[in-house]
Amino acid sequence: MLTEKAKEIVANADSKMQDAINFLEEDLKTYRVGKANPSIFNNVMVNYYGSMTPVPQVASVASPDAKTLTIQPWERSLIPAVEKAILDANLGLTPSNNGEIIRCTVPALTEERRRELIKKAGAAGENTKVAVRGVRRDAIDQLKKAQKNDGLSEDAEKEAEEEVQKLTDKHVKAVDAVIAAKEKDIMTV
């Protein structure tokens, strides 16, 4: 039977592991995979009155069709800065504007670019697994300290460690599933 302290440590570990997976999912959304997805601009920074700001915070980003992205800055004076930021971000997109709206046509991915994206996604997945295992290590350290300092019984500590290991296995499988889905998405022509 887990004590309140042990339950708290396990729940905290579960939450942190889920946060790592959520971060991975958000990161993978920024990969350009051949179809127009406005979230690829989430990490593109524009110099907005002296501070670096993500494109979606200074403009309306939309996807009118599967191969086009439109960006309408709140202020016309930002059009050149947004175009420069898109080019500097090296997304493989070439912006063009009509004085009000910036259009980016999303080209089909080459086989080589697909392979690069799969490698990048795999590396992001590995980093997430490392983060999940780091959370496991921290939780086990906290459980050992609780046993030593707070009078947590050895049995309760072992049971809580097993819970943390089960959570770790579950979250590592979830990372594998997220990466597999992204790889399938990347390879879909």
C-alpha atoms as a PDB file:
ATOM      1  CA  MET A   1       0.000   0.000   0.000  1.00  0.00           C
ATOM      2  CA  LEU A   2       1.485   3.331  -1.096  1.00  0.00           C
ATOM      3  CA  THR A   3       1.665   6.132   1.444  1.00  0.00           C
ATOM      4  CA  GLU A   4       0.574   9.686   0.635  1.00  0.00           C
ATOM      5  CA  LYS A   5       4.202  10.783   0.157  1.00  0.00           C
ATOM      6  CA  ALA A   6       4.916   7.893  -2.232  1.00  0.00           C
ATOM      7  CA  LYS A   7       1.681   8.536  -4.171  1.00  0.00           C
ATOM      8  CA  GLU A   8       2.637  12.200  -4.479  1.00  0.00           C
ATOM      9  CA  ILE A   9       6.107  11.335  -5.845  1.00  0.00           C
ATOM     10  CA  VAL A  10       4.644   8.824  -8.340  1.00  0.00           C
ATOM     11  CA  ALA A  11       1.934  11.270  -9.498  1.00  0.00           C
ATOM     12  CA  ASN A  12       4.519  14.028  -9.912  1.00  0.00           C
ATOM     13  CA  ALA A  13       6.713  11.709 -11.999  1.00  0.00           C
ATOM     14  CA  ASP A  14       3.731  10.734 -14.166  1.00  0.00           C
ATOM     15  CA  SER A  15       2.910  14.397 -14.763  1.00  0.00           C
ATOM     16  CA  LYS A  16       6.497  15.281 -15.721  1.00  0.00           C
ATOM     17  CA  MET A  17       6.747  12.294 -18.085  1.00  0.00           C
ATOM     18  CA  GLN A  18       3.502  13.351 -19.776  1.00  0.00           C
ATOM     19  CA  ASP A  19       4.828  16.907 -20.094  1.00  0.00           C
ATOM     20  CA  ALA A  20       7.891  15.546 -21.944  1.00  0.00           C
ATOM     21  CA  ILE A  21       5.622  13.710 -24.403  1.00  0.00           C
ATOM     22  CA  ASN A  22       3.427  16.791 -24.878  1.00  0.00           C
ATOM     23  CA  PHE A  23       6.550  18.835 -25.652  1.00  0.00           C
ATOM     24  CA  LEU A  24       7.632  16.212 -28.216  1.00  0.00           C
ATOM     25  CA  GLU A  25       4.216  16.303 -29.902  1.00  0.00           C
ATOM     26  CA  GLU A  26       4.314  20.112 -30.119  1.00  0.00           C
ATOM     27  CA  ASP A  27       7.869  20.005 -31.504  1.00  0.00           C
ATOM     28  CA  LEU A  28       6.918  17.453 -34.173  1.00  0.00           C
ATOM     29  CA  LYS A  29       4.066  19.701 -35.354  1.00  0.00           C
ATOM     30  CA  THR A  30       6.674  22.207 -36.550  1.00  0.00           C
ATOM     31  CA  TYR A  31       8.133  19.721 -39.074  1.00  0.00           C
ATOM     32  CA  ARG A  32       7.162  20.503 -42.648  1.00  0.00           C
ATOM     33  CA  VAL A  33       5.887  17.253 -44.146  1.00  0.00           C
ATOM     34  CA  GLY A  34       4.625  18.215 -47.597  1.00  0.00           C
ATOM     35  CA  LYS A  35       1.250  19.602 -46.652  1.00  0.00           C
ATOM     36  CA  ALA A  36       0.548  23.110 -45.464  1.00  0.00           C
ATOM     37  CA  ASN A  37       0.480  23.283 -41.672  1.00  0.00           C
ATOM     38  CA  PRO A  38       0.416  26.748 -40.048  1.00  0.00           C
ATOM     39  CA  SER A  39       2.216  25.457 -36.947  1.00  0.00           C
ATOM     40  CA  ILE A  40       5.523  25.253 -38.860  1.00  0.00           C
ATOM     41  CA  PHE A  41       5.825  28.989 -38.185  1.00  0.00           C
ATOM     42  CA  ASN A  42       5.549  28.578 -34.380  1.00  0.00           C
ATOM     43  CA  ASN A  43       9.356  28.625 -33.985  1.00  0.00           C
ATOM     44  CA  VAL A  44      10.038  31.284 -36.636  1.00  0.00           C
ATOM     45  CA  MET A  45      11.047  34.472 -34.833  1.00  0.00           C
ATOM     46  CA  VAL A  46      10.487  38.010 -36.163  1.00  0.00           C
ATOM     47  CA  ASN A  47      12.157  41.159 -34.887  1.00  0.00           C
ATOM     48  CA  TYR A  48       9.077  43.001 -33.607  1.00  0.00           C
ATOM     49  CA  TYR A  49       9.977  46.392 -32.131  1.00  0.00           C
ATOM     50  CA  GLY A  50      13.314  45.109 -30.886  1.00  0.00           C
ATOM     51  CA  SER A  51      12.191  41.793 -29.405  1.00  0.00           C
ATOM     52  CA  MET A  52      12.165  38.406 -31.096  1.00  0.00           C
ATOM     53  CA  THR A  53       8.557  37.227 -31.382  1.00  0.00           C
ATOM     54  CA  PRO A  54       7.054  34.082 -33.003  1.00  0.00           C
ATOM     55  CA  VAL A  55       5.267  34.733 -36.320  1.00  0.00           C
ATOM     56  CA  PRO A  56       1.812  33.615 -35.016  1.00  0.00           C
ATOM     57  CA  GLN A  57       1.992  36.398 -32.397  1.00  0.00           C
ATOM     58  CA  VAL A  58       2.471  39.158 -34.994  1.00  0.00           C
ATOM     59  CA  ALA A  59       0.356  37.811 -37.842  1.00  0.00           C
ATOM     60  CA  SER A  60      -2.604  35.707 -38.806  1.00  0.00           C
ATOM     61  CA  VAL A  61      -1.378  32.401 -40.261  1.00  0.00           C
ATOM     62  CA  ALA A  62      -3.768  30.289 -42.331  1.00  0.00           C
ATOM     63  CA  SER A  63      -3.787  27.372 -44.735  1.00  0.00           C
ATOM     64  CA  PRO A  64      -6.335  28.096 -47.486  1.00  0.00           C
ATOM     65  CA  ASP A  65      -5.493  24.806 -49.253  1.00  0.00           C
ATOM     66  CA  ALA A  66      -3.214  21.779 -48.857  1.00  0.00           C
ATOM     67  CA  LYS A  67      -0.236  23.409 -50.613  1.00  0.00           C
ATOM     68  CA  THR A  68      -0.440  27.076 -49.562  1.00  0.00           C
ATOM     69  CA  LEU A  69       0.156  29.016 -46.358  1.00  0.00           C
ATOM     70  CA  THR A  70      -0.829  32.655 -45.956  1.00  0.00           C
ATOM     71  CA  ILE A  71       0.530  35.065 -43.397  1.00  0.00           C
ATOM     72  CA  GLN A  72      -1.166  38.389 -42.821  1.00  0.00           C
ATOM     73  CA  PRO A  73       0.879  40.541 -40.422  1.00  0.00           C
ATOM     74  CA  TRP A  74      -1.112  42.817 -38.114  1.00  0.00           C
ATOM     75  CA  GLU A  75       1.002  45.701 -39.458  1.00  0.00           C
ATOM     76  CA  ARG A  76       2.033  46.099 -43.115  1.00  0.00           C
ATOM     77  CA  SER A  77       5.454  47.368 -42.052  1.00  0.00           C
ATOM     78  CA  LEU A  78       6.226  43.859 -40.759  1.00  0.00           C
ATOM     79  CA  ILE A  79       5.952  42.153 -44.174  1.00  0.00           C
ATOM     80  CA  PRO A  80       9.691  42.427 -45.027  1.00  0.00           C
ATOM     81  CA  ALA A  81      10.710  41.309 -41.510  1.00  0.00           C
ATOM     82  CA  VAL A  82       8.395  38.283 -41.650  1.00  0.00           C
ATOM     83  CA  GLU A  83       9.672  37.329 -45.126  1.00  0.00           C
ATOM     84  CA  LYS A  84      13.270  37.586 -43.925  1.00  0.00           C
ATOM     85  CA  ALA A  85      12.487  35.489 -40.826  1.00  0.00           C
ATOM     86  CA  ILE A  86      10.912  32.757 -42.992  1.00  0.00           C
ATOM     87  CA  LEU A  87      13.948  32.671 -45.276  1.00  0.00           C
ATOM     88  CA  ASP A  88      16.361  32.697 -42.294  1.00  0.00           C
ATOM     89  CA  ALA A  89      14.466  29.813 -40.645  1.00  0.00           C
ATOM     90  CA  ASN A  90      15.481  27.573 -43.571  1.00  0.00           C
ATOM     91  CA  LEU A  91      12.088  25.873 -43.830  1.00  0.00           C
ATOM     92  CA  GLY A  92      12.431  25.315 -47.568  1.00  0.00           C
ATOM     93  CA  LEU A  93       9.670  27.858 -48.233  1.00  0.00           C
ATOM     94  CA  THR A  94       9.942  30.907 -50.488  1.00  0.00           C
ATOM     95  CA  PRO A  95       7.654  33.733 -49.373  1.00  0.00           C
ATOM     96  CA  SER A  96       6.061  36.158 -51.838  1.00  0.00           C
ATOM     97  CA  ASN A  97       3.755  39.058 -51.002  1.00  0.00           C
ATOM     98  CA  ASN A  98       1.172  41.272 -52.659  1.00  0.00           C
ATOM     99  CA  GLY A  99       1.602  44.166 -50.220  1.00  0.00           C
ATOM    100  CA  GLU A 100      -0.880  42.779 -47.695  1.00  0.00           C
ATOM    101  CA  ILE A 101      -0.492  39.002 -47.488  1.00  0.00           C
ATOM    102  CA  ILE A 102       2.579  36.782 -47.649  1.00  0.00           C
ATOM    103  CA  ARG A 103       2.035  33.513 -49.506  1.00  0.00           C
ATOM    104  CA  CYS A 104       4.214  30.428 -49.192  1.00  0.00           C
ATOM    105  CA  THR A 105       3.683  27.505 -51.526  1.00  0.00           C
ATOM    106  CA  VAL A 106       4.657  24.260 -49.813  1.00  0.00           C
ATOM    107  CA  PRO A 107       6.700  22.139 -52.232  1.00  0.00           C
ATOM    108  CA  ALA A 108       6.545  18.355 -52.152  1.00  0.00           C
ATOM    109  CA  LEU A 109       9.278  16.817 -50.009  1.00  0.00           C
ATOM    110  CA  THR A 110      12.207  15.098 -51.672  1.00  0.00           C
ATOM    111  CA  GLU A 111      13.139  11.583 -50.574  1.00  0.00           C
ATOM    112  CA  GLU A 112      16.344  12.974 -49.040  1.00  0.00           C
ATOM    113  CA  ARG A 113      14.447  15.605 -47.032  1.00  0.00           C
ATOM    114  CA  ARG A 114      11.997  12.942 -45.799  1.00  0.00           C
ATOM    115  CA  ARG A 115      14.911  10.825 -44.532  1.00  0.00           C
ATOM    116  CA  GLU A 116      16.409  13.883 -42.782  1.00  0.00           C
ATOM    117  CA  LEU A 117      13.070  14.596 -41.079  1.00  0.00           C
ATOM    118  CA  ILE A 118      12.762  10.966 -39.945  1.00  0.00           C
ATOM    119  CA  LYS A 119      16.261  11.145 -38.438  1.00  0.00           C
ATOM    120  CA  LYS A 120      15.401  14.438 -36.749  1.00  0.00           C
ATOM    121  CA  ALA A 121      12.136  12.996 -35.387  1.00  0.00           C
ATOM    122  CA  GLY A 122      13.993   9.913 -34.134  1.00  0.00           C
ATOM    123  CA  ALA A 123      16.542  12.098 -32.351  1.00  0.00           C
ATOM    124  CA  ALA A 124      13.736  14.143 -30.757  1.00  0.00           C
ATOM    125  CA  GLY A 125      12.117  10.881 -29.632  1.00  0.00           C
ATOM    126  CA  GLU A 126      15.376   9.668 -28.092  1.00  0.00           C
ATOM    127  CA  ASN A 127      15.781  12.992 -26.249  1.00  0.00           C
ATOM    128  CA  THR A 128      12.254  12.609 -24.890  1.00  0.00           C
ATOM    129  CA  LYS A 129      13.001   9.055 -23.716  1.00  0.00           C
ATOM    130  CA  VAL A 130      16.126  10.382 -21.958  1.00  0.00           C
ATOM    131  CA  ALA A 131      13.957  13.027 -20.270  1.00  0.00           C
ATOM    132  CA  VAL A 132      11.432  10.360 -19.187  1.00  0.00           C
ATOM    133  CA  ARG A 133      14.222   8.209 -17.754  1.00  0.00           C
ATOM    134  CA  GLY A 134      15.628  11.270 -15.980  1.00  0.00           C
ATOM    135  CA  VAL A 135      12.237  11.798 -14.341  1.00  0.00           C
ATOM    136  CA  ARG A 136      12.277   8.123 -13.278  1.00  0.00           C
ATOM    137  CA  ARG A 137      15.744   8.543 -11.750  1.00  0.00           C
ATOM    138  CA  ASP A 138      14.662  11.688  -9.867  1.00  0.00           C
ATOM    139  CA  ALA A 139      11.509   9.973  -8.577  1.00  0.00           C
ATOM    140  CA  ILE A 140      13.482   6.960  -7.334  1.00  0.00           C
ATOM    141  CA  ASP A 141      15.965   9.299  -5.619  1.00  0.00           C
ATOM    142  CA  GLN A 142      13.050  11.084  -3.926  1.00  0.00           C
ATOM    143  CA  LEU A 143      11.615   7.741  -2.793  1.00  0.00           C
ATOM    144  CA  LYS A 144      14.968   6.679  -1.314  1.00  0.00           C
ATOM    145  CA  LYS A 145      15.238  10.018   0.526  1.00  0.00           C
ATOM    146  CA  ALA A 146      11.664   9.616   1.787  1.00  0.00           C
ATOM    147  CA  GLN A 147      12.555   6.154   3.094  1.00  0.00           C
ATOM    148  CA  LYS A 148      15.662   7.517   4.812  1.00  0.00           C
ATOM    149  CA  ASN A 149      14.302  10.826   6.151  1.00  0.00           C
ATOM    150  CA  ASP A 150      10.487  10.582   6.295  1.00  0.00           C
ATOM    151  CA  GLY A 151      10.078   7.056   7.598  1.00  0.00           C
ATOM    152  CA  LEU A 152       8.700   5.548   4.376  1.00  0.00           C
ATOM    153  CA  SER A 153       8.785   1.760   4.786  1.00  0.00           C
ATOM    154  CA  GLU A 154      11.101  -0.279   2.577  1.00  0.00           C
ATOM    155  CA  ASP A 155       8.145  -2.222   1.140  1.00  0.00           C
ATOM    156  CA  ALA A 156       6.280   0.965   0.259  1.00  0.00           C
ATOM    157  CA  GLU A 157       9.434   2.386  -1.318  1.00  0.00           C
ATOM    158  CA  LYS A 158       9.927  -0.762  -3.464  1.00  0.00           C
ATOM    159  CA  GLU A 159       6.250  -0.771  -4.482  1.00  0.00           C
ATOM    160  CA  ALA A 160       6.458   2.906  -5.459  1.00  0.00           C
ATOM    161  CA  GLU A 161       9.659   2.211  -7.458  1.00  0.00           C
ATOM    162  CA  GLU A 162       7.801  -0.506  -9.356  1.00  0.00           C
ATOM    163  CA  GLU A 163       4.967   1.976 -10.074  1.00  0.00           C
ATOM    164  CA  VAL A 164       7.493   4.517 -11.372  1.00  0.00           C
ATOM    165  CA  GLN A 165       9.058   1.830 -13.602  1.00  0.00           C
ATOM    166  CA  LYS A 166       5.620   0.908 -14.990  1.00  0.00           C
ATOM    167  CA  LEU A 167       4.970   4.585 -15.736  1.00  0.00           C
ATOM    168  CA  THR A 168       8.365   4.861 -17.418  1.00  0.00           C
ATOM    169  CA  ASP A 169       7.655   1.832 -19.631  1.00  0.00           C
ATOM    170  CA  LYS A 170       4.209   3.223 -20.512  1.00  0.00           C
ATOM    171  CA  HIS A 171       5.597   6.638 -21.451  1.00  0.00           C
ATOM    172  CA  VAL A 172       8.513   5.205 -23.463  1.00  0.00           C
ATOM    173  CA  LYS A 173       5.954   3.171 -25.459  1.00  0.00           C
ATOM    174  CA  ALA A 174       3.930   6.351 -25.960  1.00  0.00           C
ATOM    175  CA  VAL A 175       7.050   8.134 -27.308  1.00  0.00           C
ATOM    176  CA  ASP A 176       7.632   5.236 -29.725  1.00  0.00           C
ATOM    177  CA  ALA A 177       4.014   5.488 -30.888  1.00  0.00           C
ATOM    178  CA  VAL A 178       4.254   9.261 -31.427  1.00  0.00           C
ATOM    179  CA  ILE A 179       7.481   8.865 -33.436  1.00  0.00           C
ATOM    180  CA  ALA A 180       6.054   5.977 -35.495  1.00  0.00           C
ATOM    181  CA  ALA A 181       2.976   8.061 -36.352  1.00  0.00           C
ATOM    182  CA  LYS A 182       5.153  11.012 -37.350  1.00  0.00           C
ATOM    183  CA  GLU A 183       7.412   8.806 -39.508  1.00  0.00           C
ATOM    184  CA  LYS A 184       4.316   7.433 -41.255  1.00  0.00           C
ATOM    185  CA  ASP A 185       3.101  11.011 -41.779  1.00  0.00           C
ATOM    186  CA  ILE A 186       6.502  12.043 -43.206  1.00  0.00           C
ATOM    187  CA  MET A 187       6.662   9.079 -45.603  1.00  0.00           C
ATOM    188  CA  THR A 188       3.085   9.592 -46.869  1.00  0.00           C
ATOM    189  CA  VAL A 189       3.425  11.230 -50.259  1.00  0.00           C
END
